[in-house]
Amino acid sequence: MDEHESNTEPATIEISRRTVIETGTTALLLTTLPRGALAAGAFDDNEPSPPPVKVELRINGRAFSLTLDSRTTLLDALREHLALTGSKKGCDHGQCGACTVLIEGRRINSCLTLAVMHDGQSVTTIEGLAEGKTLHPVQTAFVEHDGFQCGYCTSGQICSAVGMLAENRGGMPSYVTEDLTHPAAALTDAEIRERMSGNICRCAAYPNIIAAIRQAAEMPT
């Protein structure tokens, strides 16, 4: 046997779990990005930012004029530019509902929409629901039924509940509404759960939240 062959040992390659994940993620990204995006320099950090734009918003009854990057979300405009931090940034992907606000009375995830898209519109946040020291009926019901624990999702839950009750009064059905001929659905537990399913409570205070919403639905508007 050749001397060199007798001293040769099989080569070993050590691959960490981190390397596998990073390599797989990079490969997936490169195979899913459109070729046009790669050709246009999607990863070019030197690409200039778009010019700032002026946005006029009426928030909680007050007029605000903001100069923003056109890519600024409504949530970031509220929190970072107006210090209205009641609307929370949870997932920042529209999955948890913690950032829910009302646009012209309709509920919306403020992390999924750009501030420039609501130029001239009326925005209501959790800070604008109460009238002076008088809480909104939904806020009162949440307090009375302990509809919160850590409280992080509470502002979004309350704003969503206010919008949901208005939708129901306006005759908007949900997926579980049984009688579509009635002007407003009976707010059973199942109906409330379905209508509030976009708002997540990690503390699982759902029974108390449902009880609070049922009480608020019975109060005069």
Protein backbone atom coordinates (compact mmCIF):
# COMPACT_ATOMS: atom_id res chain seq x y z
CA MET A 1 0.00 0.00 0.00
CA ASP A 2 1.24 3.48 -0.84
CA GLU A 3 2.54 5.45 2.13
CA HIS A 4 0.45 8.48 1.27
CA GLU A 5 -2.69 6.39 0.98
CA SER A 6 -2.16 4.76 4.37
CA ASN A 7 -1.96 8.13 6.15
CA THR A 8 -4.93 9.70 4.42
CA GLU A 9 -8.05 10.11 6.55
CA PRO A 10 -11.53 11.03 5.27
CA ALA A 11 -12.10 14.77 5.26
CA THR A 12 -14.77 16.00 7.68
CA ILE A 13 -16.91 19.07 7.23
CA GLU A 14 -18.62 20.67 10.20
CA ILE A 15 -21.84 22.52 9.37
CA SER A 16 -23.65 24.33 12.14
CA ARG A 17 -27.42 24.66 12.42
CA ARG A 18 -27.02 28.41 12.02
CA THR A 19 -25.21 27.94 8.70
CA VAL A 20 -27.96 25.68 7.38
CA ILE A 21 -30.67 28.18 8.32
CA GLU A 22 -28.82 31.19 6.88
CA THR A 23 -28.03 29.36 3.62
CA GLY A 24 -31.58 28.10 3.22
CA THR A 25 -33.08 31.51 3.92
CA THR A 26 -30.80 33.22 1.41
CA ALA A 27 -31.58 30.62 -1.25
CA LEU A 28 -35.30 30.99 -0.67
CA LEU A 29 -35.09 34.77 -0.90
CA LEU A 30 -33.13 34.70 -4.13
CA THR A 31 -35.47 32.21 -5.77
CA THR A 32 -38.65 34.06 -4.78
CA LEU A 33 -37.61 37.62 -5.63
CA PRO A 34 -38.66 38.73 -9.11
CA ARG A 35 -35.74 38.94 -11.50
CA GLY A 36 -36.67 42.53 -12.20
CA ALA A 37 -36.19 43.42 -8.57
CA LEU A 38 -32.72 41.92 -8.56
CA ALA A 39 -31.82 43.66 -11.80
CA ALA A 40 -33.08 46.98 -10.45
CA GLY A 41 -30.82 46.70 -7.43
CA ALA A 42 -33.31 45.76 -4.71
CA PHE A 43 -30.45 45.54 -2.21
CA ASP A 44 -28.85 48.87 -3.11
CA ASP A 45 -28.60 50.82 0.14
CA ASN A 46 -27.45 53.89 -1.76
CA GLU A 47 -30.77 54.35 -3.54
CA PRO A 48 -32.12 57.80 -2.61
CA SER A 49 -35.21 58.05 -0.39
CA PRO A 50 -38.38 59.54 -1.86
CA PRO A 51 -38.97 63.21 -1.09
CA PRO A 52 -41.06 64.00 2.02
CA VAL A 53 -44.74 64.74 1.58
CA LYS A 54 -47.17 66.91 3.51
CA VAL A 55 -50.12 65.13 5.14
CA GLU A 56 -53.15 66.76 6.74
CA LEU A 57 -54.92 64.63 9.31
CA ARG A 58 -57.71 65.32 11.77
CA ILE A 59 -56.87 63.21 14.80
CA ASN A 60 -59.22 63.02 17.77
CA GLY A 61 -60.90 66.23 16.65
CA ARG A 62 -57.69 68.22 16.16
CA ALA A 63 -56.06 69.17 12.87
CA PHE A 64 -52.44 68.15 12.33
CA SER A 65 -50.11 68.98 9.46
CA LEU A 66 -47.21 66.57 9.11
CA THR A 67 -44.26 66.34 6.75
CA LEU A 68 -43.44 62.65 6.40
CA ASP A 69 -41.55 60.12 4.38
CA SER A 70 -44.20 58.78 2.00
CA ARG A 71 -43.49 55.27 3.34
CA THR A 72 -44.42 56.16 6.94
CA THR A 73 -47.23 54.00 8.26
CA LEU A 74 -50.14 55.61 10.03
CA LEU A 75 -49.07 53.81 13.21
CA ASP A 76 -45.58 55.31 13.10
CA ALA A 77 -46.99 58.74 12.31
CA LEU A 78 -49.17 58.53 15.43
CA ARG A 79 -46.51 57.13 17.74
CA GLU A 80 -43.28 58.68 16.48
CA HIS A 81 -44.46 62.04 15.19
CA LEU A 82 -47.43 62.88 17.43
CA ALA A 83 -46.55 60.95 20.63
CA LEU A 84 -49.95 59.22 20.57
CA THR A 85 -48.59 55.97 21.95
CA GLY A 86 -51.90 54.43 22.99
CA SER A 87 -51.96 52.55 19.70
CA LYS A 88 -49.46 49.75 20.17
CA LYS A 89 -47.00 48.21 17.74
CA GLY A 90 -47.34 44.48 18.34
CA CYS A 91 -46.63 42.28 15.34
CA ASP A 92 -46.35 45.16 12.81
CA HIS A 93 -47.87 42.76 10.25
CA GLY A 94 -51.61 43.25 10.81
CA GLN A 95 -51.99 39.99 12.69
CA CYS A 96 -52.55 41.03 16.33
CA GLY A 97 -54.81 44.09 16.15
CA ALA A 98 -52.98 46.03 18.88
CA CYS A 99 -52.66 49.02 16.54
CA THR A 100 -56.37 49.26 15.65
CA VAL A 101 -57.70 52.81 15.19
CA LEU A 102 -60.83 54.25 13.57
CA ILE A 103 -60.70 55.99 10.19
CA GLU A 104 -63.90 57.90 9.53
CA GLY A 105 -65.50 55.59 12.09
CA ARG A 106 -64.25 52.37 10.45
CA ARG A 107 -61.67 50.22 12.24
CA ILE A 108 -58.35 49.59 10.57
CA ASN A 109 -54.92 48.17 11.42
CA SER A 110 -52.78 51.30 11.40
CA CYS A 111 -49.57 49.31 10.87
CA LEU A 112 -50.78 48.17 7.44
CA THR A 113 -51.69 51.53 5.96
CA LEU A 114 -49.63 54.56 5.01
CA ALA A 115 -50.32 57.94 6.57
CA VAL A 116 -50.44 59.60 3.13
CA MET A 117 -53.37 57.38 2.18
CA HIS A 118 -55.54 59.15 4.77
CA ASP A 119 -54.78 62.74 3.91
CA GLY A 120 -57.77 64.87 4.94
CA GLN A 121 -59.48 62.06 6.83
CA SER A 122 -60.59 61.81 10.45
CA VAL A 123 -58.67 59.45 12.72
CA THR A 124 -59.79 58.37 16.18
CA THR A 125 -57.33 56.67 18.52
CA ILE A 126 -57.82 55.31 22.01
CA GLU A 127 -56.85 58.77 23.34
CA GLY A 128 -59.85 60.33 21.60
CA LEU A 129 -62.68 58.03 22.71
CA ALA A 130 -63.40 59.59 26.10
CA GLU A 131 -65.15 62.94 26.39
CA GLY A 132 -63.14 64.79 28.98
CA LYS A 133 -63.20 62.67 32.12
CA THR A 134 -66.18 60.64 30.90
CA LEU A 135 -65.11 57.31 29.49
CA HIS A 136 -66.61 55.85 26.35
CA PRO A 137 -69.20 53.12 27.18
CA VAL A 138 -66.83 50.46 25.83
CA GLN A 139 -64.02 51.73 28.03
CA THR A 140 -66.32 51.71 31.05
CA ALA A 141 -67.41 48.15 30.31
CA PHE A 142 -63.81 46.96 29.95
CA VAL A 143 -62.98 48.42 33.36
CA GLU A 144 -66.04 46.90 35.02
CA HIS A 145 -65.44 43.44 33.53
CA ASP A 146 -61.63 43.41 33.82
CA GLY A 147 -61.32 43.01 30.06
CA PHE A 148 -57.54 43.14 30.22
CA GLN A 149 -54.52 41.78 32.06
CA CYS A 150 -51.18 43.12 30.83
CA GLY A 151 -53.09 45.80 28.90
CA TYR A 152 -50.91 45.81 25.78
CA CYS A 153 -53.73 44.79 23.45
CA THR A 154 -56.44 46.75 25.28
CA SER A 155 -56.38 49.95 23.22
CA GLY A 156 -56.73 47.95 20.02
CA GLN A 157 -59.43 45.76 21.55
CA ILE A 158 -61.45 48.79 22.62
CA CYS A 159 -61.12 50.65 19.32
CA SER A 160 -62.02 47.49 17.43
CA ALA A 161 -65.05 46.93 19.68
CA VAL A 162 -66.27 50.49 19.07
CA GLY A 163 -65.96 50.01 15.32
CA MET A 164 -67.52 46.55 15.46
CA LEU A 165 -70.58 47.75 17.37
CA ALA A 166 -71.07 50.51 14.80
CA GLU A 167 -70.79 47.97 11.98
CA ASN A 168 -73.41 45.77 13.62
CA ARG A 169 -75.79 48.66 14.17
CA GLY A 170 -75.37 49.50 10.49
CA GLY A 171 -76.52 46.01 9.51
CA MET A 172 -73.16 44.57 8.48
CA PRO A 173 -73.27 40.76 8.92
CA SER A 174 -70.39 38.51 9.90
CA TYR A 175 -69.45 35.01 8.77
CA VAL A 176 -71.53 33.47 11.57
CA THR A 177 -74.61 35.71 11.31
CA GLU A 178 -77.62 33.41 11.03
CA ASP A 179 -80.45 35.84 10.17
CA LEU A 180 -79.43 38.16 7.34
CA THR A 181 -82.87 39.76 7.18
CA HIS A 182 -82.53 41.37 10.61
CA PRO A 183 -81.15 44.94 10.63
CA ALA A 184 -78.60 44.02 13.31
CA ALA A 185 -77.23 40.65 14.35
CA ALA A 186 -77.82 39.37 17.87
CA LEU A 187 -74.48 39.74 19.59
CA THR A 188 -74.09 36.23 20.91
CA ASP A 189 -70.72 35.09 22.22
CA ALA A 190 -70.03 33.38 18.88
CA GLU A 191 -70.94 36.55 16.98
CA ILE A 192 -68.64 38.70 19.12
CA ARG A 193 -65.77 36.22 18.85
CA GLU A 194 -66.03 36.17 15.08
CA ARG A 195 -66.24 39.94 14.76
CA MET A 196 -63.32 40.48 17.18
CA SER A 197 -61.17 37.66 15.81
CA GLY A 198 -58.63 40.10 14.39
CA ASN A 199 -57.65 41.23 17.89
CA ILE A 200 -55.40 38.88 19.82
CA CYS A 201 -55.05 38.83 23.62
CA ARG A 202 -51.98 36.85 24.69
CA CYS A 203 -53.23 36.92 28.27
CA ALA A 204 -56.41 35.16 27.06
CA ALA A 205 -58.83 37.55 28.75
CA TYR A 206 -61.42 36.73 26.08
CA PRO A 207 -64.35 35.82 28.37
CA ASN A 208 -64.09 39.20 30.09
CA ILE A 209 -63.67 41.03 26.79
CA ILE A 210 -66.81 39.38 25.43
CA ALA A 211 -68.75 40.25 28.58
CA ALA A 212 -67.59 43.87 28.32
CA ILE A 213 -68.66 44.15 24.69
CA ARG A 214 -72.07 42.64 25.41
CA GLN A 215 -72.59 45.20 28.17
CA ALA A 216 -71.48 48.07 25.94
CA ALA A 217 -73.84 46.90 23.18
CA GLU A 218 -76.76 47.29 25.58
CA MET A 219 -75.82 50.83 26.61
CA PRO A 220 -77.25 53.84 24.74
CA THR A 221 -74.95 55.31 22.08
